Amino acid sequence: MNSKLIIPCHWDIKTLEEIKIQNERFGVNGIKVREMYGALAGEAIGNGRSPNKVTRLNRQEAIKFRKQVKKANIKFNYLLNNSLPLAQNPKEEKVYEYLDWIINDFKPDALIIASKELMYLIRKRYGNVPIHVSTIARVSSIKDIDFFKDIHPTKIILDNDLARDFDSLKQVIKYASEINIDLELMLTESCLRKCPFIKKHRDTISLGLDDTTIHLTCNSKKFSSPDEILRANFIRPEDMNFYESLGLSSFKITGRSKPSNWLPEVVKAYLNREYDGNLIRLLGIDPNLHAESWVYLNNSALE
């Protein structure tokens, strides 16, 4: 099986060049970096991160970077994964202008969307643009897939918790295969399993607000009860083959708020399908928390 690695965009040319080299050098184990996802900060529609936690640049710079991504033979999927209705968007009057720029000027390979309302708007205004259902939509069952079928999505990025719910995951994979929808799982997700704060967190960042307090709340629970780290929904580099054996071939590295020089090390680990070091280093934990200074989890000691 030729699997795809999907990586976060840090809008950094140097990092992109390193990823290209790694693809050529290490992408021989049945997996390569094929897609990148990202969005501009502070625009009319939220993108799953607080604006102050990601790289800021202007639209012209974004288009230049997008062209370099295309030259690297990597697809770019643009994030529009606001969890709130458009009527609750404080920049609602700017939505159409922003969407026109994305479709006509930036020209992404697909749009990653959480709101079905926005999906309908996209279909009506722009026709058959490839749509990926965001993990923020929390798809975890056949019923959830059916909810989005009339949109005709090309891919669904599954809910975090499904990575450890093997019976439900197998059912979803079988059904999606029958109706020809690709599925994607996140690799480096570190959120609390069945997190009670997840809706509040996603609504907060959809409004463009700072989410530091929520990160501190969740991660203090992990550090005070380290079993919560083991219960999180990460997938180790060594364990991708298990999920491939179930029929999955798309795997996403999370971590847009991480420094760009963090990404090549993580990509190398997943291209090589092994990592000898602190697993915490691979996870998309908020870098402001300095989690590696608090916890050492020997990846090689796990199975």
C-alpha atoms as a PDB file:
ATOM      1  CA  MET A   1       0.000   0.000   0.000  1.00  0.00           C
ATOM      2  CA  ASN A   2       1.331   3.456  -0.915  1.00  0.00           C
ATOM      3  CA  SER A   3       0.325   5.647   2.004  1.00  0.00           C
ATOM      4  CA  LYS A   4       0.205   9.430   2.208  1.00  0.00           C
ATOM      5  CA  LEU A   5       1.665  11.630   4.909  1.00  0.00           C
ATOM      6  CA  ILE A   6      -0.165  14.949   5.333  1.00  0.00           C
ATOM      7  CA  ILE A   7       1.843  17.690   7.031  1.00  0.00           C
ATOM      8  CA  PRO A   8       1.071  21.077   8.645  1.00  0.00           C
ATOM      9  CA  CYS A   9       2.031  24.281   6.859  1.00  0.00           C
ATOM     10  CA  HIS A  10       4.373  26.681   8.680  1.00  0.00           C
ATOM     11  CA  TRP A  11       4.801  28.898   5.607  1.00  0.00           C
ATOM     12  CA  ASP A  12       8.560  28.274   5.707  1.00  0.00           C
ATOM     13  CA  ILE A  13      10.528  27.682   2.486  1.00  0.00           C
ATOM     14  CA  LYS A  14      13.553  26.216   4.271  1.00  0.00           C
ATOM     15  CA  THR A  15      11.390  23.606   5.978  1.00  0.00           C
ATOM     16  CA  LEU A  16       9.673  22.804   2.682  1.00  0.00           C
ATOM     17  CA  GLU A  17      13.077  22.199   1.057  1.00  0.00           C
ATOM     18  CA  GLU A  18      14.051  19.839   3.895  1.00  0.00           C
ATOM     19  CA  ILE A  19      10.786  17.926   3.461  1.00  0.00           C
ATOM     20  CA  LYS A  20      11.483  17.545  -0.267  1.00  0.00           C
ATOM     21  CA  ILE A  21      14.895  16.035   0.497  1.00  0.00           C
ATOM     22  CA  GLN A  22      13.424  13.697   3.102  1.00  0.00           C
ATOM     23  CA  ASN A  23      10.764  12.547   0.652  1.00  0.00           C
ATOM     24  CA  GLU A  24      13.506  11.527  -1.783  1.00  0.00           C
ATOM     25  CA  ARG A  25      15.807  10.010   0.835  1.00  0.00           C
ATOM     26  CA  PHE A  26      13.435   8.285   3.242  1.00  0.00           C
ATOM     27  CA  GLY A  27      10.178   7.913   1.325  1.00  0.00           C
ATOM     28  CA  VAL A  28      10.936   4.328   0.370  1.00  0.00           C
ATOM     29  CA  ASN A  29       8.891   2.520   3.026  1.00  0.00           C
ATOM     30  CA  GLY A  30       5.561   2.735   1.264  1.00  0.00           C
ATOM     31  CA  ILE A  31       4.815   6.268   2.449  1.00  0.00           C
ATOM     32  CA  LYS A  32       5.608   9.789   1.241  1.00  0.00           C
ATOM     33  CA  VAL A  33       4.577  13.341   2.042  1.00  0.00           C
ATOM     34  CA  ARG A  34       1.800  13.994  -0.467  1.00  0.00           C
ATOM     35  CA  GLU A  35      -0.283  16.796   1.046  1.00  0.00           C
ATOM     36  CA  MET A  36       0.045  19.909   3.201  1.00  0.00           C
ATOM     37  CA  TYR A  37      -2.690  21.782   5.044  1.00  0.00           C
ATOM     38  CA  GLY A  38      -2.862  25.325   6.354  1.00  0.00           C
ATOM     39  CA  ALA A  39      -4.530  28.742   6.226  1.00  0.00           C
ATOM     40  CA  LEU A  40      -3.827  32.409   6.760  1.00  0.00           C
ATOM     41  CA  ALA A  41      -4.297  33.691  10.304  1.00  0.00           C
ATOM     42  CA  GLY A  42      -6.839  36.351  11.185  1.00  0.00           C
ATOM     43  CA  GLU A  43      -9.005  35.996   8.081  1.00  0.00           C
ATOM     44  CA  ALA A  44     -12.796  35.862   7.842  1.00  0.00           C
ATOM     45  CA  ILE A  45     -13.160  32.144   8.635  1.00  0.00           C
ATOM     46  CA  GLY A  46     -11.418  30.308  11.470  1.00  0.00           C
ATOM     47  CA  ASN A  47      -8.913  27.545  10.794  1.00  0.00           C
ATOM     48  CA  GLY A  48      -8.604  25.440  13.936  1.00  0.00           C
ATOM     49  CA  ARG A  49      -5.879  27.516  15.628  1.00  0.00           C
ATOM     50  CA  SER A  50      -5.839  30.786  17.546  1.00  0.00           C
ATOM     51  CA  PRO A  51      -4.443  33.509  15.237  1.00  0.00           C
ATOM     52  CA  ASN A  52      -1.644  34.291  17.700  1.00  0.00           C
ATOM     53  CA  LYS A  53      -0.409  30.680  17.664  1.00  0.00           C
ATOM     54  CA  VAL A  54       0.461  30.380  13.954  1.00  0.00           C
ATOM     55  CA  THR A  55       2.728  32.121  11.447  1.00  0.00           C
ATOM     56  CA  ARG A  56       1.343  35.356  10.024  1.00  0.00           C
ATOM     57  CA  LEU A  57       1.923  36.465   6.441  1.00  0.00           C
ATOM     58  CA  ASN A  58       0.027  38.346   3.735  1.00  0.00           C
ATOM     59  CA  ARG A  59      -1.898  36.925   0.806  1.00  0.00           C
ATOM     60  CA  GLN A  60       0.802  37.633  -1.782  1.00  0.00           C
ATOM     61  CA  GLU A  61       3.377  35.764   0.308  1.00  0.00           C
ATOM     62  CA  ALA A  62       0.945  32.877   0.727  1.00  0.00           C
ATOM     63  CA  ILE A  63       0.453  32.553  -3.047  1.00  0.00           C
ATOM     64  CA  LYS A  64       4.237  32.494  -3.601  1.00  0.00           C
ATOM     65  CA  PHE A  65       4.615  29.740  -1.017  1.00  0.00           C
ATOM     66  CA  ARG A  66       1.723  27.764  -2.508  1.00  0.00           C
ATOM     67  CA  LYS A  67       3.530  27.763  -5.886  1.00  0.00           C
ATOM     68  CA  GLN A  68       6.645  26.300  -4.262  1.00  0.00           C
ATOM     69  CA  VAL A  69       4.550  23.572  -2.641  1.00  0.00           C
ATOM     70  CA  LYS A  70       3.142  22.682  -6.055  1.00  0.00           C
ATOM     71  CA  LYS A  71       6.671  22.502  -7.515  1.00  0.00           C
ATOM     72  CA  ALA A  72       7.538  20.052  -4.736  1.00  0.00           C
ATOM     73  CA  ASN A  73       4.710  17.812  -6.024  1.00  0.00           C
ATOM     74  CA  ILE A  74       2.773  18.253  -2.779  1.00  0.00           C
ATOM     75  CA  LYS A  75      -0.927  19.146  -2.717  1.00  0.00           C
ATOM     76  CA  PHE A  76      -2.182  22.040  -0.588  1.00  0.00           C
ATOM     77  CA  ASN A  77      -5.474  21.700   1.291  1.00  0.00           C
ATOM     78  CA  TYR A  78      -6.875  24.971   2.636  1.00  0.00           C
ATOM     79  CA  LEU A  79      -8.464  25.048   6.085  1.00  0.00           C
ATOM     80  CA  LEU A  80     -11.924  26.553   6.591  1.00  0.00           C
ATOM     81  CA  ASN A  81     -12.782  24.503   9.649  1.00  0.00           C
ATOM     82  CA  ASN A  82     -14.716  26.998  11.721  1.00  0.00           C
ATOM     83  CA  SER A  83     -17.013  25.089  14.109  1.00  0.00           C
ATOM     84  CA  LEU A  84     -19.632  27.857  14.454  1.00  0.00           C
ATOM     85  CA  PRO A  85     -22.523  28.934  12.175  1.00  0.00           C
ATOM     86  CA  LEU A  86     -21.589  31.762   9.813  1.00  0.00           C
ATOM     87  CA  ALA A  87     -24.090  34.043  11.536  1.00  0.00           C
ATOM     88  CA  GLN A  88     -21.913  33.867  14.676  1.00  0.00           C
ATOM     89  CA  ASN A  89     -18.811  34.850  12.707  1.00  0.00           C
ATOM     90  CA  PRO A  90     -17.651  38.344  13.728  1.00  0.00           C
ATOM     91  CA  LYS A  91     -16.286  38.891  10.207  1.00  0.00           C
ATOM     92  CA  GLU A  92     -19.326  37.525   8.356  1.00  0.00           C
ATOM     93  CA  GLU A  93     -19.427  40.391   5.832  1.00  0.00           C
ATOM     94  CA  LYS A  94     -15.919  39.471   4.624  1.00  0.00           C
ATOM     95  CA  VAL A  95     -16.592  35.772   4.048  1.00  0.00           C
ATOM     96  CA  TYR A  96     -17.395  35.940   0.326  1.00  0.00           C
ATOM     97  CA  GLU A  97     -14.395  38.100  -0.510  1.00  0.00           C
ATOM     98  CA  TYR A  98     -12.143  35.676   1.377  1.00  0.00           C
ATOM     99  CA  LEU A  99     -13.617  32.622  -0.333  1.00  0.00           C
ATOM    100  CA  ASP A 100     -13.215  34.240  -3.768  1.00  0.00           C
ATOM    101  CA  TRP A 101      -9.533  34.860  -3.024  1.00  0.00           C
ATOM    102  CA  ILE A 102      -8.987  31.285  -1.894  1.00  0.00           C
ATOM    103  CA  ILE A 103     -10.669  29.696  -4.919  1.00  0.00           C
ATOM    104  CA  ASN A 104      -9.591  32.115  -7.659  1.00  0.00           C
ATOM    105  CA  ASP A 105      -6.163  33.310  -6.506  1.00  0.00           C
ATOM    106  CA  PHE A 106      -4.687  30.819  -4.030  1.00  0.00           C
ATOM    107  CA  LYS A 107      -6.174  27.839  -5.902  1.00  0.00           C
ATOM    108  CA  PRO A 108      -5.914  25.021  -3.332  1.00  0.00           C
ATOM    109  CA  ASP A 109      -6.258  21.364  -4.245  1.00  0.00           C
ATOM    110  CA  ALA A 110      -9.047  20.906  -1.688  1.00  0.00           C
ATOM    111  CA  LEU A 111     -10.880  22.685   1.116  1.00  0.00           C
ATOM    112  CA  ILE A 112     -11.015  21.259   4.644  1.00  0.00           C
ATOM    113  CA  ILE A 113     -14.347  22.271   6.190  1.00  0.00           C
ATOM    114  CA  ALA A 114     -16.152  21.481   9.445  1.00  0.00           C
ATOM    115  CA  SER A 115     -19.486  23.272   8.950  1.00  0.00           C
ATOM    116  CA  LYS A 116     -22.060  21.700   6.656  1.00  0.00           C
ATOM    117  CA  GLU A 117     -23.599  25.148   6.207  1.00  0.00           C
ATOM    118  CA  LEU A 118     -20.310  26.344   4.725  1.00  0.00           C
ATOM    119  CA  MET A 119     -20.061  23.215   2.575  1.00  0.00           C
ATOM    120  CA  TYR A 120     -23.465  24.002   1.054  1.00  0.00           C
ATOM    121  CA  LEU A 121     -22.341  27.569   0.412  1.00  0.00           C
ATOM    122  CA  ILE A 122     -19.175  26.337  -1.317  1.00  0.00           C
ATOM    123  CA  ARG A 123     -21.129  23.892  -3.499  1.00  0.00           C
ATOM    124  CA  LYS A 124     -23.636  26.582  -4.509  1.00  0.00           C
ATOM    125  CA  ARG A 125     -21.044  29.261  -5.240  1.00  0.00           C
ATOM    126  CA  TYR A 126     -18.101  27.261  -6.628  1.00  0.00           C
ATOM    127  CA  GLY A 127     -19.496  23.930  -7.782  1.00  0.00           C
ATOM    128  CA  ASN A 128     -17.530  20.717  -7.551  1.00  0.00           C
ATOM    129  CA  VAL A 129     -14.538  21.919  -5.498  1.00  0.00           C
ATOM    130  CA  PRO A 130     -12.936  18.982  -3.632  1.00  0.00           C
ATOM    131  CA  ILE A 131     -14.085  19.075  -0.008  1.00  0.00           C
ATOM    132  CA  HIS A 132     -12.507  17.247   2.912  1.00  0.00           C
ATOM    133  CA  VAL A 133     -14.599  16.965   6.072  1.00  0.00           C
ATOM    134  CA  SER A 134     -12.548  18.329   8.971  1.00  0.00           C
ATOM    135  CA  THR A 135     -11.858  16.358  12.129  1.00  0.00           C
ATOM    136  CA  ILE A 136     -13.651  19.221  13.897  1.00  0.00           C
ATOM    137  CA  ALA A 137     -16.888  17.809  12.451  1.00  0.00           C
ATOM    138  CA  ARG A 138     -16.240  14.769  14.678  1.00  0.00           C
ATOM    139  CA  VAL A 139     -17.095  11.976  12.251  1.00  0.00           C
ATOM    140  CA  SER A 140     -16.906   8.680  14.126  1.00  0.00           C
ATOM    141  CA  SER A 141     -19.720   6.463  12.775  1.00  0.00           C
ATOM    142  CA  ILE A 142     -21.521   5.377   9.628  1.00  0.00           C
ATOM    143  CA  LYS A 143     -24.383   7.699  10.612  1.00  0.00           C
ATOM    144  CA  ASP A 144     -21.936  10.618  10.711  1.00  0.00           C
ATOM    145  CA  ILE A 145     -20.642   9.756   7.234  1.00  0.00           C
ATOM    146  CA  ASP A 146     -24.196   9.621   5.906  1.00  0.00           C
ATOM    147  CA  PHE A 147     -24.782  13.139   7.238  1.00  0.00           C
ATOM    148  CA  PHE A 148     -22.178  14.470   4.802  1.00  0.00           C
ATOM    149  CA  LYS A 149     -22.870  12.170   1.830  1.00  0.00           C
ATOM    150  CA  ASP A 150     -24.922  14.736  -0.098  1.00  0.00           C
ATOM    151  CA  ILE A 151     -21.885  17.034  -0.096  1.00  0.00           C
ATOM    152  CA  HIS A 152     -19.894  14.338  -1.959  1.00  0.00           C
ATOM    153  CA  PRO A 153     -16.677  14.814   0.019  1.00  0.00           C
ATOM    154  CA  THR A 154     -13.509  13.238  -1.335  1.00  0.00           C
ATOM    155  CA  LYS A 155     -12.046  12.699   2.132  1.00  0.00           C
ATOM    156  CA  ILE A 156     -13.090  12.623   5.789  1.00  0.00           C
ATOM    157  CA  ILE A 157     -10.578  13.346   8.542  1.00  0.00           C
ATOM    158  CA  LEU A 158     -11.871  11.189  11.347  1.00  0.00           C
ATOM    159  CA  ASP A 159     -12.579  12.161  14.943  1.00  0.00           C
ATOM    160  CA  ASN A 160      -9.557  11.921  17.259  1.00  0.00           C
ATOM    161  CA  ASP A 161     -11.007   9.232  19.499  1.00  0.00           C
ATOM    162  CA  LEU A 162     -11.665   6.789  16.672  1.00  0.00           C
ATOM    163  CA  ALA A 163      -7.965   5.903  16.511  1.00  0.00           C
ATOM    164  CA  ARG A 164      -8.374   3.858  19.703  1.00  0.00           C
ATOM    165  CA  ASP A 165     -11.911   2.580  19.074  1.00  0.00           C
ATOM    166  CA  PHE A 166     -10.955  -0.294  16.800  1.00  0.00           C
ATOM    167  CA  ASP A 167     -14.384  -1.889  16.318  1.00  0.00           C
ATOM    168  CA  SER A 168     -15.998   1.385  15.234  1.00  0.00           C
ATOM    169  CA  LEU A 169     -12.973   2.255  13.114  1.00  0.00           C
ATOM    170  CA  LYS A 170     -13.222  -1.004  11.176  1.00  0.00           C
ATOM    171  CA  GLN A 171     -16.925  -0.407  10.491  1.00  0.00           C
ATOM    172  CA  VAL A 172     -16.282   3.137   9.271  1.00  0.00           C
ATOM    173  CA  ILE A 173     -13.386   2.046   7.031  1.00  0.00           C
ATOM    174  CA  LYS A 174     -15.480  -0.691   5.419  1.00  0.00           C
ATOM    175  CA  TYR A 175     -18.403   1.646   4.752  1.00  0.00           C
ATOM    176  CA  ALA A 176     -16.261   4.483   3.403  1.00  0.00           C
ATOM    177  CA  SER A 177     -14.537   2.070   1.035  1.00  0.00           C
ATOM    178  CA  GLU A 178     -17.915   0.944  -0.327  1.00  0.00           C
ATOM    179  CA  ILE A 179     -18.958   4.529  -1.139  1.00  0.00           C
ATOM    180  CA  ASN A 180     -15.493   5.594  -2.329  1.00  0.00           C
ATOM    181  CA  ILE A 181     -14.592   8.183   0.312  1.00  0.00           C
ATOM    182  CA  ASP A 182     -10.993   8.403   1.526  1.00  0.00           C
ATOM    183  CA  LEU A 183     -10.383   8.492   5.280  1.00  0.00           C
ATOM    184  CA  GLU A 184      -7.600  10.131   7.258  1.00  0.00           C
ATOM    185  CA  LEU A 185      -6.336   9.660  10.805  1.00  0.00           C
ATOM    186  CA  MET A 186      -4.181  12.014  12.844  1.00  0.00           C
ATOM    187  CA  LEU A 187      -0.812  10.682  13.996  1.00  0.00           C
ATOM    188  CA  THR A 188       0.525  13.158  16.531  1.00  0.00           C
ATOM    189  CA  GLU A 189      -2.682  14.106  18.321  1.00  0.00           C
ATOM    190  CA  SER A 190      -2.193  14.601  22.067  1.00  0.00           C
ATOM    191  CA  CYS A 191      -5.607  15.829  23.248  1.00  0.00           C
ATOM    192  CA  LEU A 192      -7.210  14.156  26.245  1.00  0.00           C
ATOM    193  CA  ARG A 193      -9.135  11.092  25.160  1.00  0.00           C
ATOM    194  CA  LYS A 194     -12.848  11.952  25.133  1.00  0.00           C
ATOM    195  CA  CYS A 195     -11.893  15.491  26.135  1.00  0.00           C
ATOM    196  CA  PRO A 196     -14.733  17.299  27.976  1.00  0.00           C
ATOM    197  CA  PHE A 197     -13.436  20.687  26.809  1.00  0.00           C
ATOM    198  CA  ILE A 198     -13.251  19.973  23.092  1.00  0.00           C
ATOM    199  CA  LYS A 199     -16.379  21.895  22.002  1.00  0.00           C
ATOM    200  CA  LYS A 200     -15.464  24.929  24.081  1.00  0.00           C
ATOM    201  CA  HIS A 201     -11.945  24.819  22.657  1.00  0.00           C
ATOM    202  CA  ARG A 202     -13.064  24.643  19.035  1.00  0.00           C
ATOM    203  CA  ASP A 203     -15.662  27.383  19.465  1.00  0.00           C
ATOM    204  CA  THR A 204     -13.040  29.578  21.111  1.00  0.00           C
ATOM    205  CA  ILE A 205     -10.610  29.329  18.211  1.00  0.00           C
ATOM    206  CA  SER A 206     -13.449  29.703  15.698  1.00  0.00           C
ATOM    207  CA  LEU A 207     -14.061  33.133  17.199  1.00  0.00           C
ATOM    208  CA  GLY A 208     -10.392  33.969  16.811  1.00  0.00           C
ATOM    209  CA  LEU A 209      -9.813  34.062  20.581  1.00  0.00           C
ATOM    210  CA  ASP A 210      -6.747  32.961  22.519  1.00  0.00           C
ATOM    211  CA  ASP A 211      -6.918  29.355  23.760  1.00  0.00           C
ATOM    212  CA  THR A 212      -3.937  29.300  26.134  1.00  0.00           C
ATOM    213  CA  THR A 213      -6.107  28.773  29.229  1.00  0.00           C
ATOM    214  CA  ILE A 214      -7.746  25.710  27.683  1.00  0.00           C
ATOM    215  CA  HIS A 215      -4.349  24.225  26.771  1.00  0.00           C
ATOM    216  CA  LEU A 216      -3.154  24.770  30.336  1.00  0.00           C
ATOM    217  CA  THR A 217      -6.266  23.112  31.747  1.00  0.00           C
ATOM    218  CA  CYS A 218      -5.943  20.006  29.587  1.00  0.00           C
ATOM    219  CA  ASN A 219      -2.201  19.594  29.843  1.00  0.00           C
ATOM    220  CA  SER A 220      -2.043  20.125  33.602  1.00  0.00           C
ATOM    221  CA  LYS A 221      -4.319  17.097  33.842  1.00  0.00           C
ATOM    222  CA  LYS A 222      -1.874  15.081  31.693  1.00  0.00           C
ATOM    223  CA  PHE A 223       1.137  16.099  33.743  1.00  0.00           C
ATOM    224  CA  SER A 224      -0.572  15.381  37.068  1.00  0.00           C
ATOM    225  CA  SER A 225      -1.959  12.050  35.779  1.00  0.00           C
ATOM    226  CA  PRO A 226       0.566  10.738  33.209  1.00  0.00           C
ATOM    227  CA  ASP A 227      -1.686   7.810  32.306  1.00  0.00           C
ATOM    228  CA  GLU A 228      -3.711  10.403  30.372  1.00  0.00           C
ATOM    229  CA  ILE A 229      -0.751  10.775  28.014  1.00  0.00           C
ATOM    230  CA  LEU A 230      -0.795   7.055  27.238  1.00  0.00           C
ATOM    231  CA  ARG A 231      -4.566   7.173  26.738  1.00  0.00           C
ATOM    232  CA  ALA A 232      -4.260   9.962  24.143  1.00  0.00           C
ATOM    233  CA  ASN A 233      -4.941   9.132  20.510  1.00  0.00           C
ATOM    234  CA  PHE A 234      -1.410   9.313  19.080  1.00  0.00           C
ATOM    235  CA  ILE A 235      -0.179   6.744  16.567  1.00  0.00           C
ATOM    236  CA  ARG A 236       3.498   5.851  16.847  1.00  0.00           C
ATOM    237  CA  PRO A 237       5.628   5.627  13.670  1.00  0.00           C
ATOM    238  CA  GLU A 238       5.998   1.893  14.310  1.00  0.00           C
ATOM    239  CA  ASP A 239       2.225   1.396  14.459  1.00  0.00           C
ATOM    240  CA  MET A 240       1.121   2.880  11.153  1.00  0.00           C
ATOM    241  CA  ASN A 241       1.257  -0.560   9.549  1.00  0.00           C
ATOM    242  CA  PHE A 242      -1.516  -1.728  11.895  1.00  0.00           C
ATOM    243  CA  TYR A 243      -3.853   0.967  10.585  1.00  0.00           C
ATOM    244  CA  GLU A 244      -2.758   0.298   7.006  1.00  0.00           C
ATOM    245  CA  SER A 245      -3.728  -3.343   7.521  1.00  0.00           C
ATOM    246  CA  LEU A 246      -7.252  -2.095   8.312  1.00  0.00           C
ATOM    247  CA  GLY A 247      -7.390  -0.243   4.982  1.00  0.00           C
ATOM    248  CA  LEU A 248      -6.225   3.281   5.830  1.00  0.00           C
ATOM    249  CA  SER A 249      -3.635   5.091   3.706  1.00  0.00           C
ATOM    250  CA  SER A 250      -3.834   8.793   4.728  1.00  0.00           C
ATOM    251  CA  PHE A 251      -2.091   9.943   7.894  1.00  0.00           C
ATOM    252  CA  LYS A 252      -1.909  13.494   9.235  1.00  0.00           C
ATOM    253  CA  ILE A 253       0.797  15.100  11.343  1.00  0.00           C
ATOM    254  CA  THR A 254      -0.684  17.798  13.577  1.00  0.00           C
ATOM    255  CA  GLY A 255       1.308  20.762  14.879  1.00  0.00           C
ATOM    256  CA  ARG A 256       0.732  24.048  13.033  1.00  0.00           C
ATOM    257  CA  SER A 257       1.544  25.980  16.209  1.00  0.00           C
ATOM    258  CA  LYS A 258       4.913  24.242  16.541  1.00  0.00           C
ATOM    259  CA  PRO A 259       8.130  25.953  15.357  1.00  0.00           C
ATOM    260  CA  SER A 260       8.864  25.063  11.743  1.00  0.00           C
ATOM    261  CA  ASN A 261      12.204  23.407  12.573  1.00  0.00           C
ATOM    262  CA  TRP A 262      10.279  20.776  14.574  1.00  0.00           C
ATOM    263  CA  LEU A 263       8.577  19.328  11.499  1.00  0.00           C
ATOM    264  CA  PRO A 264      11.487  17.646   9.606  1.00  0.00           C
ATOM    265  CA  GLU A 265      12.378  15.487  12.623  1.00  0.00           C
ATOM    266  CA  VAL A 266       8.785  14.312  12.938  1.00  0.00           C
ATOM    267  CA  VAL A 267       8.395  13.677   9.197  1.00  0.00           C
ATOM    268  CA  LYS A 268      11.625  11.660   9.186  1.00  0.00           C
ATOM    269  CA  ALA A 269      10.319   9.472  12.033  1.00  0.00           C
ATOM    270  CA  TYR A 270       7.114   8.638  10.173  1.00  0.00           C
ATOM    271  CA  LEU A 271       8.824   8.134   6.820  1.00  0.00           C
ATOM    272  CA  ASN A 272      11.260   5.752   8.522  1.00  0.00           C
ATOM    273  CA  ARG A 273       8.425   4.181  10.545  1.00  0.00           C
ATOM    274  CA  GLU A 274      10.550   4.257  13.694  1.00  0.00           C
ATOM    275  CA  TYR A 275      11.712   6.716  16.335  1.00  0.00           C
ATOM    276  CA  ASP A 276      14.303   6.350  19.089  1.00  0.00           C
ATOM    277  CA  GLY A 277      13.619   9.166  21.499  1.00  0.00           C
ATOM    278  CA  ASN A 278      11.038  10.977  23.588  1.00  0.00           C
ATOM    279  CA  LEU A 279       7.595  10.378  22.107  1.00  0.00           C
ATOM    280  CA  ILE A 280       6.488  13.712  23.587  1.00  0.00           C
ATOM    281  CA  ARG A 281       8.811  15.330  21.041  1.00  0.00           C
ATOM    282  CA  LEU A 282       6.636  14.042  18.177  1.00  0.00           C
ATOM    283  CA  LEU A 283       3.290  15.157  19.554  1.00  0.00           C
ATOM    284  CA  GLY A 284       1.519  18.379  18.618  1.00  0.00           C
ATOM    285  CA  ILE A 285       1.414  19.738  22.176  1.00  0.00           C
ATOM    286  CA  ASP A 286       1.361  23.545  22.479  1.00  0.00           C
ATOM    287  CA  PRO A 287       5.068  24.508  22.385  1.00  0.00           C
ATOM    288  CA  ASN A 288       4.513  27.194  25.038  1.00  0.00           C
ATOM    289  CA  LEU A 289       4.048  24.408  27.592  1.00  0.00           C
ATOM    290  CA  HIS A 290       7.582  22.974  27.079  1.00  0.00           C
ATOM    291  CA  ALA A 291       6.177  19.477  27.582  1.00  0.00           C
ATOM    292  CA  GLU A 292       9.477  17.747  26.828  1.00  0.00           C
ATOM    293  CA  SER A 293      10.934  19.340  29.959  1.00  0.00           C
ATOM    294  CA  TRP A 294       8.174  17.789  32.061  1.00  0.00           C
ATOM    295  CA  VAL A 295       7.820  14.298  30.659  1.00  0.00           C
ATOM    296  CA  TYR A 296      10.098  11.734  29.012  1.00  0.00           C
ATOM    297  CA  LEU A 297       8.256   8.864  27.345  1.00  0.00           C
ATOM    298  CA  ASN A 298      10.629   6.419  25.687  1.00  0.00           C
ATOM    299  CA  ASN A 299       9.028   5.595  22.347  1.00  0.00           C
ATOM    300  CA  SER A 300      11.151   2.460  21.910  1.00  0.00           C
ATOM    301  CA  ALA A 301       9.803   1.072  25.204  1.00  0.00           C
ATOM    302  CA  LEU A 302       6.217   1.103  23.933  1.00  0.00           C
ATOM    303  CA  GLU A 303       4.381  -1.370  21.738  1.00  0.00           C
END
